[in-house]
Amino acid sequence: PRLLDILCCPITRRPLRMLDGQMLDKVNAAIASGRVRNHGGTTLSKALPQALVTTDGDLVYPVRDGIPVLLEEECIHWAAFND
């Protein structure tokens, strides 16, 4: 929790929060359907066990092995899928 107080999105500089279970399920369902690409252009095939999201809900960053991956090419522009 203290780490979340200082983390921010490297693109927008907005604060980040943990993605809640319901939204994580939606992201993972979209990944399972094969329609989610990250900013690097890679189609995602593995569900995210955890993720961070910007406070506006637009950008999602994976958390792998408990470590936030805050690289621009790894983020998902969730607003494009969440219409």
Protein backbone atom coordinates (compact mmCIF):
# COMPACT_ATOMS: atom_id res chain seq x y z
CA PRO A 1 0.00 0.00 0.00
CA ARG A 2 2.78 2.50 0.73
CA LEU A 3 4.34 1.81 -2.65
CA LEU A 4 1.05 2.69 -4.36
CA ASP A 5 1.19 6.11 -2.74
CA ILE A 6 4.29 7.00 -4.77
CA LEU A 7 3.71 5.10 -8.03
CA CYS A 8 2.33 6.90 -11.05
CA CYS A 9 1.68 6.13 -14.67
CA PRO A 10 4.82 6.83 -16.73
CA ILE A 11 2.66 8.10 -19.62
CA THR A 12 0.04 10.30 -17.94
CA ARG A 13 1.65 10.77 -14.51
CA ARG A 14 -1.71 9.92 -12.93
CA PRO A 15 -1.75 7.94 -9.69
CA LEU A 16 -2.18 4.17 -9.88
CA ARG A 17 -4.37 1.84 -7.84
CA MET A 18 -4.81 -1.92 -7.74
CA LEU A 19 -7.31 -3.20 -10.26
CA ASP A 20 -10.35 -4.59 -8.43
CA GLY A 21 -11.49 -8.17 -8.95
CA GLN A 22 -14.46 -7.34 -11.17
CA MET A 23 -12.45 -5.20 -13.55
CA LEU A 24 -9.57 -7.71 -13.55
CA ASP A 25 -12.08 -10.37 -14.62
CA LYS A 26 -13.18 -8.15 -17.53
CA VAL A 27 -9.59 -7.53 -18.60
CA ASN A 28 -8.80 -11.24 -18.42
CA ALA A 29 -11.95 -12.15 -20.39
CA ALA A 30 -10.85 -9.72 -23.12
CA ILE A 31 -7.36 -11.25 -23.08
CA ALA A 32 -8.86 -14.75 -23.37
CA SER A 33 -10.85 -13.62 -26.42
CA GLY A 34 -7.56 -12.70 -28.12
CA ARG A 35 -8.45 -9.07 -28.71
CA VAL A 36 -6.11 -7.31 -26.28
CA ARG A 37 -2.77 -5.88 -27.40
CA ASN A 38 -0.42 -3.91 -25.24
CA HIS A 39 1.13 -0.62 -26.34
CA GLY A 40 4.06 -2.56 -27.75
CA GLY A 41 1.69 -4.29 -30.18
CA THR A 42 1.91 -7.74 -28.61
CA THR A 43 -1.35 -9.68 -28.39
CA LEU A 44 -1.73 -10.87 -24.81
CA SER A 45 -2.49 -14.53 -24.24
CA LYS A 46 -1.97 -15.00 -20.49
CA ALA A 47 -4.39 -13.77 -17.85
CA LEU A 48 -3.11 -11.14 -15.46
CA PRO A 49 -3.04 -12.34 -11.83
CA GLN A 50 -2.85 -8.71 -10.69
CA ALA A 51 -2.72 -5.31 -12.33
CA LEU A 52 -2.55 -1.61 -11.64
CA VAL A 53 -4.81 0.93 -13.29
CA THR A 54 -4.67 4.69 -13.61
CA THR A 55 -7.21 6.51 -11.46
CA ASP A 56 -9.22 7.39 -14.58
CA GLY A 57 -9.38 3.69 -15.56
CA ASP A 58 -7.76 4.21 -18.97
CA LEU A 59 -4.41 2.42 -18.68
CA VAL A 60 -3.72 -0.97 -17.11
CA TYR A 61 -0.25 -2.18 -16.12
CA PRO A 62 0.50 -5.81 -15.33
CA VAL A 63 1.92 -6.93 -12.00
CA ARG A 64 4.17 -9.96 -12.43
CA ASP A 65 5.41 -11.91 -9.43
CA GLY A 66 4.33 -9.02 -7.23
CA ILE A 67 6.34 -6.47 -9.23
CA PRO A 68 4.54 -3.70 -11.15
CA VAL A 69 5.69 -3.53 -14.78
CA LEU A 70 5.49 0.19 -15.49
CA LEU A 71 6.80 0.18 -19.03
CA GLU A 72 4.85 2.04 -21.70
CA GLU A 73 5.00 -0.86 -24.14
CA GLU A 74 3.54 -3.24 -21.52
CA CYS A 75 0.45 -1.22 -20.64
CA ILE A 76 -3.03 -1.90 -22.00
CA HIS A 77 -5.15 1.00 -23.20
CA TRP A 78 -8.22 -0.33 -21.43
CA ALA A 79 -10.50 2.56 -22.40
CA ALA A 80 -10.45 1.20 -25.97
CA PHE A 81 -11.96 -2.11 -24.76
CA ASN A 82 -14.20 -0.83 -22.00
CA ASP A 83 -16.89 0.90 -24.08
